[in-house]
């Protein structure tokens, strides 16, 4: 799927790569994280929150860390729809 094929109002995810600060475990820091180690390349899968067609950027929420990243469209792959499942637990 291409970025321009996304239909507003539907949910999508993609794989992404971004340069960011990483902990000594090689993951982006969270609020309760270990010390920062270095700037490096981080790859993951994220939920697409916002796309900027004019600048070809997207704000993506990483499913592993829940952090949000702004990524270039060219640094993403495998855009696909998300099918949410209902949580029927009471």
C-alpha atoms as a PDB file:
ATOM      1  CA  UNK A   1       0.000   0.000   0.000  1.00  0.00           C
ATOM      2  CA  UNK A   2       1.174   3.525  -0.755  1.00  0.00           C
ATOM      3  CA  UNK A   3       0.902   6.525   1.571  1.00  0.00           C
ATOM      4  CA  UNK A   4      -1.482   8.246  -0.837  1.00  0.00           C
ATOM      5  CA  UNK A   5      -3.825   5.215  -0.754  1.00  0.00           C
ATOM      6  CA  UNK A   6      -4.578   5.705   2.953  1.00  0.00           C
ATOM      7  CA  UNK A   7      -8.233   6.502   3.607  1.00  0.00           C
ATOM      8  CA  UNK A   8      -8.838   9.055   6.388  1.00  0.00           C
ATOM      9  CA  UNK A   9     -10.788   7.549   9.284  1.00  0.00           C
ATOM     10  CA  UNK A  10      -9.323   4.055   8.896  1.00  0.00           C
ATOM     11  CA  UNK A  11      -6.510   2.605  11.039  1.00  0.00           C
ATOM     12  CA  UNK A  12      -3.121   1.700   9.571  1.00  0.00           C
ATOM     13  CA  UNK A  13       0.266   0.457  10.731  1.00  0.00           C
ATOM     14  CA  UNK A  14       3.689   0.313   9.110  1.00  0.00           C
ATOM     15  CA  UNK A  15       7.226  -0.803   9.722  1.00  0.00           C
ATOM     16  CA  UNK A  16       9.583   2.127  10.252  1.00  0.00           C
ATOM     17  CA  UNK A  17      13.207   3.031  10.831  1.00  0.00           C
ATOM     18  CA  UNK A  18      14.332   6.169  12.672  1.00  0.00           C
ATOM     19  CA  UNK A  19      17.538   7.660  14.068  1.00  0.00           C
ATOM     20  CA  UNK A  20      17.008   8.311  17.785  1.00  0.00           C
ATOM     21  CA  UNK A  21      18.556   8.140  21.232  1.00  0.00           C
ATOM     22  CA  UNK A  22      18.884   4.544  22.433  1.00  0.00           C
ATOM     23  CA  UNK A  23      19.484   2.972  25.831  1.00  0.00           C
ATOM     24  CA  UNK A  24      22.349   0.586  26.436  1.00  0.00           C
ATOM     25  CA  UNK A  25      19.854  -2.190  25.537  1.00  0.00           C
ATOM     26  CA  UNK A  26      19.422  -0.673  22.058  1.00  0.00           C
ATOM     27  CA  UNK A  27      15.837   0.547  22.524  1.00  0.00           C
ATOM     28  CA  UNK A  28      14.402   4.082  22.723  1.00  0.00           C
ATOM     29  CA  UNK A  29      14.130   5.416  26.279  1.00  0.00           C
ATOM     30  CA  UNK A  30      10.867   5.539  28.218  1.00  0.00           C
ATOM     31  CA  UNK A  31      10.030   7.474  31.377  1.00  0.00           C
ATOM     32  CA  UNK A  32      11.434   4.721  33.604  1.00  0.00           C
ATOM     33  CA  UNK A  33      14.335   3.807  31.331  1.00  0.00           C
ATOM     34  CA  UNK A  34      17.932   2.960  31.893  1.00  0.00           C
ATOM     35  CA  UNK A  35      20.643   5.455  31.026  1.00  0.00           C
ATOM     36  CA  UNK A  36      21.049   6.666  27.455  1.00  0.00           C
ATOM     37  CA  UNK A  37      23.911   5.159  25.544  1.00  0.00           C
ATOM     38  CA  UNK A  38      24.070   6.490  22.014  1.00  0.00           C
ATOM     39  CA  UNK A  39      22.240   7.752  18.948  1.00  0.00           C
ATOM     40  CA  UNK A  40      21.403   4.869  16.668  1.00  0.00           C
ATOM     41  CA  UNK A  41      18.982   3.329  14.217  1.00  0.00           C
ATOM     42  CA  UNK A  42      15.772   1.867  15.646  1.00  0.00           C
ATOM     43  CA  UNK A  43      13.361  -0.265  13.616  1.00  0.00           C
ATOM     44  CA  UNK A  44       9.918  -1.382  14.702  1.00  0.00           C
ATOM     45  CA  UNK A  45       6.244  -1.520  13.798  1.00  0.00           C
ATOM     46  CA  UNK A  46       3.940   1.365  14.640  1.00  0.00           C
ATOM     47  CA  UNK A  47       0.420   2.646  14.390  1.00  0.00           C
ATOM     48  CA  UNK A  48       0.114   5.570  11.977  1.00  0.00           C
ATOM     49  CA  UNK A  49      -1.387   8.497  13.900  1.00  0.00           C
ATOM     50  CA  UNK A  50      -0.995  11.401  11.442  1.00  0.00           C
ATOM     51  CA  UNK A  51       0.352  11.768   7.925  1.00  0.00           C
ATOM     52  CA  UNK A  52       1.677  14.966   6.405  1.00  0.00           C
ATOM     53  CA  UNK A  53       1.200  14.669   2.648  1.00  0.00           C
ATOM     54  CA  UNK A  54       2.926  17.974   1.853  1.00  0.00           C
ATOM     55  CA  UNK A  55       6.173  17.083   3.682  1.00  0.00           C
ATOM     56  CA  UNK A  56       5.862  13.287   3.297  1.00  0.00           C
ATOM     57  CA  UNK A  57       6.160  12.692   7.049  1.00  0.00           C
ATOM     58  CA  UNK A  58       4.131  10.602   9.479  1.00  0.00           C
ATOM     59  CA  UNK A  59       3.715  10.487  13.241  1.00  0.00           C
ATOM     60  CA  UNK A  60       3.841   6.835  14.276  1.00  0.00           C
ATOM     61  CA  UNK A  61       3.302   5.243  17.706  1.00  0.00           C
ATOM     62  CA  UNK A  62       5.727   2.377  18.283  1.00  0.00           C
ATOM     63  CA  UNK A  63       3.871  -0.746  19.458  1.00  0.00           C
ATOM     64  CA  UNK A  64       6.827  -1.911  21.587  1.00  0.00           C
ATOM     65  CA  UNK A  65       7.608   1.251  23.578  1.00  0.00           C
ATOM     66  CA  UNK A  66       4.411   3.308  23.013  1.00  0.00           C
ATOM     67  CA  UNK A  67       6.690   6.252  22.068  1.00  0.00           C
ATOM     68  CA  UNK A  68       5.763   8.445  19.136  1.00  0.00           C
ATOM     69  CA  UNK A  69       8.195   9.163  16.308  1.00  0.00           C
ATOM     70  CA  UNK A  70       8.047  11.448  13.281  1.00  0.00           C
ATOM     71  CA  UNK A  71       9.343   9.447  10.331  1.00  0.00           C
ATOM     72  CA  UNK A  72       9.882  10.138   6.656  1.00  0.00           C
ATOM     73  CA  UNK A  73       7.674   8.155   4.301  1.00  0.00           C
ATOM     74  CA  UNK A  74      10.810   6.822   2.602  1.00  0.00           C
ATOM     75  CA  UNK A  75      11.828   5.232   5.948  1.00  0.00           C
ATOM     76  CA  UNK A  76       8.669   3.121   6.137  1.00  0.00           C
ATOM     77  CA  UNK A  77       7.548  -0.159   4.594  1.00  0.00           C
ATOM     78  CA  UNK A  78       4.632  -2.571   4.727  1.00  0.00           C
ATOM     79  CA  UNK A  79       1.760  -0.134   5.262  1.00  0.00           C
ATOM     80  CA  UNK A  80      -1.361  -2.145   6.027  1.00  0.00           C
ATOM     81  CA  UNK A  81      -4.784  -1.766   7.612  1.00  0.00           C
ATOM     82  CA  UNK A  82      -5.364  -2.573  11.276  1.00  0.00           C
ATOM     83  CA  UNK A  83      -8.320  -4.675  12.339  1.00  0.00           C
ATOM     84  CA  UNK A  84      -9.115  -3.935  15.976  1.00  0.00           C
ATOM     85  CA  UNK A  85     -10.556  -6.741  18.076  1.00  0.00           C
ATOM     86  CA  UNK A  86     -13.219  -6.082  20.685  1.00  0.00           C
ATOM     87  CA  UNK A  87     -12.280  -6.700  24.287  1.00  0.00           C
ATOM     88  CA  UNK A  88     -15.249  -8.569  25.781  1.00  0.00           C
ATOM     89  CA  UNK A  89     -13.827  -8.985  29.280  1.00  0.00           C
ATOM     90  CA  UNK A  90     -15.904  -7.482  32.087  1.00  0.00           C
END
